[in-house]
């Protein structure tokens, strides 16, 4: 007996399938690149779409977790993070006040009530991305 799959299967729902089943179908049909299609840095782990939720593979992309969360607005970065000690205005001021001199990270950290390491990450764009 021949195994039926895809549109030949009696339970095939086409585009009227649930979210998790559609994501699984896309993961099995969309070739996975070596790197995230947004940041081109991390390994892609998840498929994301443009909001259409169809089997048209052109609307889908492989993303790393952080890019997927950022794209969907679920990243809780910056002021959206409940534990954030700085505001967007303070970040802008830190970037303006940073002069690159020795001790600048520690000096700005003391001024804004955070660790010098935090200032370093802000200046290098590792956190509070522009």
N, C-alpha and C. Protein backbone atom coordinates (compact mmCIF):
# COMPACT_ATOMS: atom_id res chain seq x y z
N UNK A 1 0.84 -1.19 0.00
CA UNK A 1 0.00 0.00 0.00
C UNK A 1 0.88 1.24 0.00
N UNK A 2 0.57 2.19 -0.87
CA UNK A 2 1.36 3.41 -1.00
C UNK A 2 0.95 4.42 0.07
N UNK A 3 1.96 5.00 0.72
CA UNK A 3 1.72 6.02 1.74
C UNK A 3 1.36 7.32 1.04
N UNK A 4 0.25 7.95 1.44
CA UNK A 4 -0.18 9.20 0.83
C UNK A 4 0.26 10.36 1.71
N UNK A 5 0.81 11.40 1.08
CA UNK A 5 1.26 12.57 1.82
C UNK A 5 0.87 13.84 1.09
N UNK A 6 1.00 14.96 1.78
CA UNK A 6 0.66 16.24 1.17
C UNK A 6 -0.80 16.32 0.80
N UNK A 7 -1.09 16.92 -0.34
CA UNK A 7 -2.48 17.12 -0.76
C UNK A 7 -3.19 15.81 -1.10
N UNK A 8 -2.45 14.71 -1.24
CA UNK A 8 -3.06 13.40 -1.50
C UNK A 8 -3.59 12.76 -0.22
N UNK A 9 -3.19 13.27 0.93
CA UNK A 9 -3.61 12.67 2.20
C UNK A 9 -5.05 13.11 2.52
N UNK A 10 -5.89 12.21 3.01
CA UNK A 10 -7.29 12.57 3.28
C UNK A 10 -7.46 13.64 4.37
N UNK A 11 -6.49 13.83 5.24
CA UNK A 11 -6.59 14.85 6.28
C UNK A 11 -5.93 16.18 5.90
N UNK A 12 -5.51 16.33 4.64
CA UNK A 12 -4.85 17.54 4.17
C UNK A 12 -5.78 18.74 4.34
N UNK A 13 -5.28 19.83 4.93
CA UNK A 13 -6.10 21.01 5.17
C UNK A 13 -5.64 22.22 4.37
N UNK A 14 -4.59 22.09 3.60
CA UNK A 14 -4.10 23.21 2.80
C UNK A 14 -3.66 24.35 3.69
N UNK A 15 -4.11 25.58 3.39
CA UNK A 15 -3.75 26.76 4.17
C UNK A 15 -4.61 26.90 5.43
N UNK A 16 -5.59 26.03 5.62
CA UNK A 16 -6.47 26.11 6.79
C UNK A 16 -5.98 25.22 7.93
N UNK A 17 -4.68 25.09 8.02
CA UNK A 17 -4.05 24.24 9.03
C UNK A 17 -3.69 25.10 10.24
N UNK A 18 -3.48 24.47 11.38
CA UNK A 18 -3.09 25.20 12.59
C UNK A 18 -1.68 25.76 12.48
N UNK A 19 -1.39 26.70 13.36
CA UNK A 19 -0.09 27.38 13.37
C UNK A 19 1.10 26.43 13.49
N UNK A 20 1.06 25.54 14.47
CA UNK A 20 2.21 24.67 14.69
C UNK A 20 2.41 23.70 13.53
N UNK A 21 1.32 23.20 12.96
CA UNK A 21 1.44 22.29 11.82
C UNK A 21 2.00 23.02 10.60
N UNK A 22 1.57 24.27 10.38
CA UNK A 22 2.08 25.05 9.25
C UNK A 22 3.57 25.34 9.44
N UNK A 23 3.97 25.71 10.65
CA UNK A 23 5.39 25.95 10.91
C UNK A 23 6.21 24.68 10.67
N UNK A 24 5.70 23.56 11.08
CA UNK A 24 6.41 22.29 10.86
C UNK A 24 6.53 22.01 9.37
N UNK A 25 5.47 22.26 8.61
CA UNK A 25 5.50 22.02 7.16
C UNK A 25 6.56 22.92 6.52
N UNK A 26 6.59 24.20 6.94
CA UNK A 26 7.58 25.13 6.37
C UNK A 26 8.99 24.69 6.72
N UNK A 27 9.22 24.29 7.98
CA UNK A 27 10.56 23.81 8.38
C UNK A 27 11.01 22.64 7.53
N UNK A 28 10.09 21.80 7.10
CA UNK A 28 10.43 20.64 6.29
C UNK A 28 10.59 20.96 4.81
N UNK A 29 10.11 22.11 4.37
CA UNK A 29 10.16 22.44 2.93
C UNK A 29 11.04 23.64 2.57
N UNK A 30 11.34 24.50 3.53
CA UNK A 30 12.17 25.67 3.26
C UNK A 30 13.62 25.34 3.60
N UNK A 31 14.51 25.39 2.61
CA UNK A 31 15.92 25.06 2.89
C UNK A 31 16.49 25.96 3.99
N UNK A 32 17.20 25.35 4.92
CA UNK A 32 17.75 26.06 6.06
C UNK A 32 19.15 26.57 5.73
N UNK A 33 19.37 27.90 5.82
CA UNK A 33 20.71 28.45 5.57
C UNK A 33 21.63 28.21 6.77
N UNK A 34 22.89 28.52 6.59
CA UNK A 34 23.87 28.36 7.67
C UNK A 34 23.74 29.45 8.73
N UNK A 35 23.25 30.62 8.32
CA UNK A 35 23.16 31.78 9.22
C UNK A 35 21.76 32.39 9.17
N UNK A 36 21.42 33.10 10.24
CA UNK A 36 20.14 33.82 10.33
C UNK A 36 20.02 34.77 9.13
N UNK A 37 18.82 34.84 8.55
CA UNK A 37 18.62 35.67 7.36
C UNK A 37 18.49 37.16 7.69
N UNK A 38 18.45 37.52 8.96
CA UNK A 38 18.39 38.92 9.38
C UNK A 38 19.76 39.43 9.80
N UNK A 39 20.33 38.81 10.84
CA UNK A 39 21.59 39.31 11.41
C UNK A 39 22.82 38.69 10.74
N UNK A 40 22.64 37.58 10.05
CA UNK A 40 23.72 36.89 9.36
C UNK A 40 24.86 36.53 10.32
N UNK A 41 24.53 36.33 11.60
CA UNK A 41 25.54 36.02 12.60
C UNK A 41 25.27 34.67 13.25
N UNK A 42 24.09 34.51 13.80
CA UNK A 42 23.75 33.31 14.57
C UNK A 42 23.18 32.21 13.69
N UNK A 43 23.16 31.00 14.23
CA UNK A 43 22.53 29.89 13.53
C UNK A 43 21.02 30.07 13.57
N UNK A 44 20.34 29.87 12.44
CA UNK A 44 18.89 29.99 12.45
C UNK A 44 18.25 28.81 13.19
N UNK A 45 17.23 29.08 13.97
CA UNK A 45 16.57 28.03 14.74
C UNK A 45 15.08 27.98 14.48
N UNK A 46 14.50 29.07 13.98
CA UNK A 46 13.05 29.17 13.84
C UNK A 46 12.67 29.75 12.48
N UNK A 47 11.47 29.39 12.01
CA UNK A 47 10.94 30.00 10.80
C UNK A 47 9.96 31.09 11.21
N UNK A 48 9.99 32.18 10.46
CA UNK A 48 9.12 33.31 10.74
C UNK A 48 8.52 33.78 9.42
N UNK A 49 7.32 34.35 9.49
CA UNK A 49 6.69 34.81 8.25
C UNK A 49 6.32 36.27 8.33
N UNK A 50 5.75 36.75 7.24
CA UNK A 50 5.37 38.17 7.15
C UNK A 50 3.95 38.43 7.64
N UNK A 51 3.34 37.45 8.29
CA UNK A 51 1.99 37.62 8.82
C UNK A 51 0.89 37.01 7.97
N UNK A 52 1.26 36.41 6.85
CA UNK A 52 0.23 35.85 5.96
C UNK A 52 -0.14 34.42 6.31
N UNK A 53 0.73 33.68 6.95
CA UNK A 53 0.49 32.28 7.35
C UNK A 53 -0.07 31.45 6.20
N UNK A 54 0.72 31.34 5.14
CA UNK A 54 0.34 30.49 4.02
C UNK A 54 1.51 29.57 3.69
N UNK A 55 1.28 28.69 2.75
CA UNK A 55 2.33 27.76 2.32
C UNK A 55 3.24 28.37 1.25
N UNK A 56 3.07 29.64 0.96
CA UNK A 56 3.95 30.32 0.02
C UNK A 56 5.28 30.57 0.73
N UNK A 57 6.31 29.84 0.33
CA UNK A 57 7.59 29.89 1.03
C UNK A 57 8.31 31.23 0.89
N UNK A 58 7.88 32.06 -0.07
CA UNK A 58 8.53 33.37 -0.24
C UNK A 58 8.27 34.29 0.95
N UNK A 59 7.21 34.06 1.69
CA UNK A 59 6.90 34.89 2.84
C UNK A 59 7.54 34.42 4.13
N UNK A 60 8.37 33.40 4.07
CA UNK A 60 8.99 32.81 5.26
C UNK A 60 10.49 33.01 5.24
N UNK A 61 11.10 33.04 6.44
CA UNK A 61 12.56 33.14 6.53
C UNK A 61 13.03 32.41 7.79
N UNK A 62 14.26 31.93 7.74
CA UNK A 62 14.89 31.28 8.88
C UNK A 62 15.58 32.35 9.70
N UNK A 63 15.25 32.41 11.02
CA UNK A 63 15.83 33.41 11.90
C UNK A 63 16.38 32.77 13.17
N UNK A 64 17.34 33.46 13.77
CA UNK A 64 17.78 33.06 15.12
C UNK A 64 16.69 33.52 16.09
N UNK A 65 16.76 33.03 17.31
CA UNK A 65 15.71 33.33 18.29
C UNK A 65 15.59 34.83 18.55
N UNK A 66 16.71 35.52 18.72
CA UNK A 66 16.64 36.94 19.06
C UNK A 66 16.05 37.76 17.91
N UNK A 67 16.41 37.45 16.67
CA UNK A 67 15.85 38.18 15.53
C UNK A 67 14.35 37.90 15.39
N UNK A 68 13.93 36.65 15.66
CA UNK A 68 12.52 36.30 15.58
C UNK A 68 11.72 37.08 16.63
N UNK A 69 12.22 37.13 17.86
CA UNK A 69 11.53 37.88 18.90
C UNK A 69 11.47 39.36 18.57
N UNK A 70 12.56 39.91 18.06
CA UNK A 70 12.62 41.32 17.70
C UNK A 70 11.62 41.62 16.57
N UNK A 71 11.56 40.74 15.58
CA UNK A 71 10.66 40.94 14.45
C UNK A 71 9.20 40.93 14.90
N UNK A 72 8.88 40.05 15.83
CA UNK A 72 7.50 39.92 16.31
C UNK A 72 7.16 40.92 17.41
N UNK A 73 8.13 41.72 17.85
CA UNK A 73 7.88 42.69 18.90
C UNK A 73 7.79 42.05 20.28
N UNK A 74 8.41 40.88 20.45
CA UNK A 74 8.36 40.17 21.73
C UNK A 74 9.71 40.14 22.42
N UNK A 75 10.60 41.03 22.07
CA UNK A 75 11.97 40.95 22.58
C UNK A 75 12.15 41.58 23.96
N UNK A 76 11.24 42.42 24.39
CA UNK A 76 11.34 43.09 25.69
C UNK A 76 12.69 43.77 25.88
N UNK A 77 13.16 44.38 24.82
CA UNK A 77 14.43 45.09 24.89
C UNK A 77 14.19 46.54 25.29
N UNK A 78 15.23 47.15 25.79
CA UNK A 78 15.16 48.56 26.15
C UNK A 78 14.19 48.81 27.28
N UNK A 79 13.41 49.85 27.18
CA UNK A 79 12.49 50.23 28.24
C UNK A 79 11.36 49.22 28.42
N UNK A 80 11.10 48.37 27.42
CA UNK A 80 10.05 47.34 27.55
C UNK A 80 10.44 46.27 28.55
N UNK A 81 11.73 46.17 28.85
CA UNK A 81 12.20 45.20 29.82
C UNK A 81 11.88 45.71 31.22
N UNK A 82 11.17 44.92 32.00
CA UNK A 82 10.80 45.33 33.35
C UNK A 82 11.97 45.60 34.26
N UNK A 83 13.13 45.05 33.96
CA UNK A 83 14.30 45.25 34.79
C UNK A 83 15.22 46.36 34.31
N UNK A 84 14.81 47.10 33.28
CA UNK A 84 15.66 48.14 32.72
C UNK A 84 15.88 49.26 33.72
N UNK A 85 17.13 49.66 33.87
CA UNK A 85 17.46 50.75 34.80
C UNK A 85 17.63 52.08 34.06
N UNK A 86 17.72 52.01 32.74
CA UNK A 86 17.96 53.21 31.95
C UNK A 86 16.80 53.44 30.98
N UNK A 87 16.63 54.69 30.58
CA UNK A 87 15.62 55.04 29.60
C UNK A 87 16.28 55.26 28.25
N UNK A 88 15.48 55.36 27.23
CA UNK A 88 16.00 55.62 25.89
C UNK A 88 16.73 56.96 25.84
N UNK A 89 16.21 57.96 26.53
CA UNK A 89 16.86 59.28 26.58
C UNK A 89 18.23 59.20 27.25
N UNK A 90 18.32 58.41 28.33
CA UNK A 90 19.61 58.25 29.01
C UNK A 90 20.62 57.53 28.11
N UNK A 91 20.15 56.55 27.34
CA UNK A 91 21.05 55.83 26.42
C UNK A 91 21.61 56.81 25.40
N UNK A 92 20.75 57.66 24.85
CA UNK A 92 21.20 58.66 23.87
C UNK A 92 22.23 59.59 24.51
N UNK A 93 21.99 60.00 25.75
CA UNK A 93 22.93 60.88 26.45
C UNK A 93 24.26 60.17 26.69
N UNK A 94 24.22 58.91 27.08
CA UNK A 94 25.45 58.14 27.31
C UNK A 94 26.27 58.08 26.03
N UNK A 95 25.61 57.82 24.93
CA UNK A 95 26.34 57.73 23.65
C UNK A 95 26.93 59.08 23.26
N UNK A 96 26.25 60.15 23.59
CA UNK A 96 26.76 61.49 23.29
C UNK A 96 27.93 61.85 24.21
N UNK A 97 27.81 61.50 25.47
CA UNK A 97 28.82 61.87 26.46
C UNK A 97 30.07 61.00 26.41
N UNK A 98 29.97 59.83 25.81
CA UNK A 98 31.14 58.94 25.77
C UNK A 98 32.23 59.58 24.91
N UNK A 99 33.42 59.74 25.49
CA UNK A 99 34.51 60.41 24.79
C UNK A 99 35.68 59.48 24.43
N UNK A 100 35.59 58.22 24.83
CA UNK A 100 36.63 57.26 24.47
C UNK A 100 37.86 57.31 25.35
N UNK A 101 37.88 58.21 26.30
CA UNK A 101 39.05 58.31 27.17
C UNK A 101 39.07 57.19 28.19
N UNK A 102 40.27 56.95 28.76
CA UNK A 102 40.42 55.93 29.77
C UNK A 102 39.51 56.25 30.95
N UNK A 103 38.76 55.24 31.44
CA UNK A 103 37.88 55.42 32.57
C UNK A 103 36.48 55.91 32.23
N UNK A 104 36.21 56.13 30.95
CA UNK A 104 34.90 56.67 30.55
C UNK A 104 33.76 55.72 30.91
N UNK A 105 33.97 54.41 30.76
CA UNK A 105 32.91 53.45 31.09
C UNK A 105 32.55 53.54 32.58
N UNK A 106 33.57 53.56 33.43
CA UNK A 106 33.33 53.63 34.88
C UNK A 106 32.71 54.96 35.27
N UNK A 107 33.20 56.04 34.69
CA UNK A 107 32.68 57.38 35.00
C UNK A 107 31.20 57.49 34.64
N UNK A 108 30.85 57.05 33.43
CA UNK A 108 29.45 57.11 33.00
C UNK A 108 28.58 56.14 33.80
N UNK A 109 29.16 55.00 34.16
CA UNK A 109 28.43 54.03 34.97
C UNK A 109 28.04 54.61 36.31
N UNK A 110 28.98 55.29 36.95
CA UNK A 110 28.69 55.92 38.24
C UNK A 110 27.62 57.01 38.08
N UNK A 111 27.73 57.79 37.03
CA UNK A 111 26.78 58.88 36.80
C UNK A 111 25.35 58.36 36.61
N UNK A 112 25.21 57.24 35.88
CA UNK A 112 23.87 56.73 35.56
C UNK A 112 23.44 55.55 36.43
N UNK A 113 24.24 55.18 37.41
CA UNK A 113 23.84 54.16 38.37
C UNK A 113 23.87 52.74 37.85
N UNK A 114 24.77 52.48 36.91
CA UNK A 114 24.93 51.12 36.38
C UNK A 114 26.42 50.78 36.35
N UNK A 115 26.73 49.54 36.07
CA UNK A 115 28.12 49.12 36.02
C UNK A 115 28.81 49.66 34.77
N UNK A 116 30.11 49.85 34.88
CA UNK A 116 30.89 50.27 33.72
C UNK A 116 30.77 49.29 32.57
N UNK A 117 30.63 48.00 32.93
CA UNK A 117 30.47 46.96 31.91
C UNK A 117 29.20 47.20 31.09
N UNK A 118 28.13 47.65 31.75
CA UNK A 118 26.88 47.95 31.06
C UNK A 118 27.09 49.09 30.06
N UNK A 119 27.82 50.12 30.47
CA UNK A 119 28.12 51.24 29.57
C UNK A 119 28.93 50.73 28.37
N UNK A 120 29.87 49.85 28.62
CA UNK A 120 30.68 49.27 27.55
C UNK A 120 29.80 48.56 26.52
N UNK A 121 28.84 47.77 27.01
CA UNK A 121 27.94 47.05 26.10
C UNK A 121 27.05 47.99 25.30
N UNK A 122 26.64 49.08 25.93
CA UNK A 122 25.81 50.08 25.23
C UNK A 122 26.62 50.74 24.12
N UNK A 123 27.83 51.17 24.43
CA UNK A 123 28.67 51.86 23.45
C UNK A 123 29.03 50.93 22.29
N UNK A 124 29.28 49.67 22.57
CA UNK A 124 29.65 48.70 21.53
C UNK A 124 28.44 48.18 20.75
N UNK A 125 27.23 48.59 21.14
CA UNK A 125 26.03 48.16 20.43
C UNK A 125 25.59 46.75 20.73
N UNK A 126 26.09 46.17 21.83
CA UNK A 126 25.73 44.79 22.20
C UNK A 126 24.39 44.76 22.92
N UNK A 127 24.01 45.87 23.52
CA UNK A 127 22.73 45.99 24.20
C UNK A 127 22.19 47.39 23.88
N UNK A 128 20.91 47.56 24.00
CA UNK A 128 20.27 48.82 23.63
C UNK A 128 20.68 49.21 22.22
N UNK A 129 20.50 48.28 21.29
CA UNK A 129 20.90 48.52 19.89
C UNK A 129 20.26 49.77 19.35
N UNK A 130 20.98 50.39 18.46
CA UNK A 130 20.50 51.64 17.85
C UNK A 130 19.35 51.38 16.91
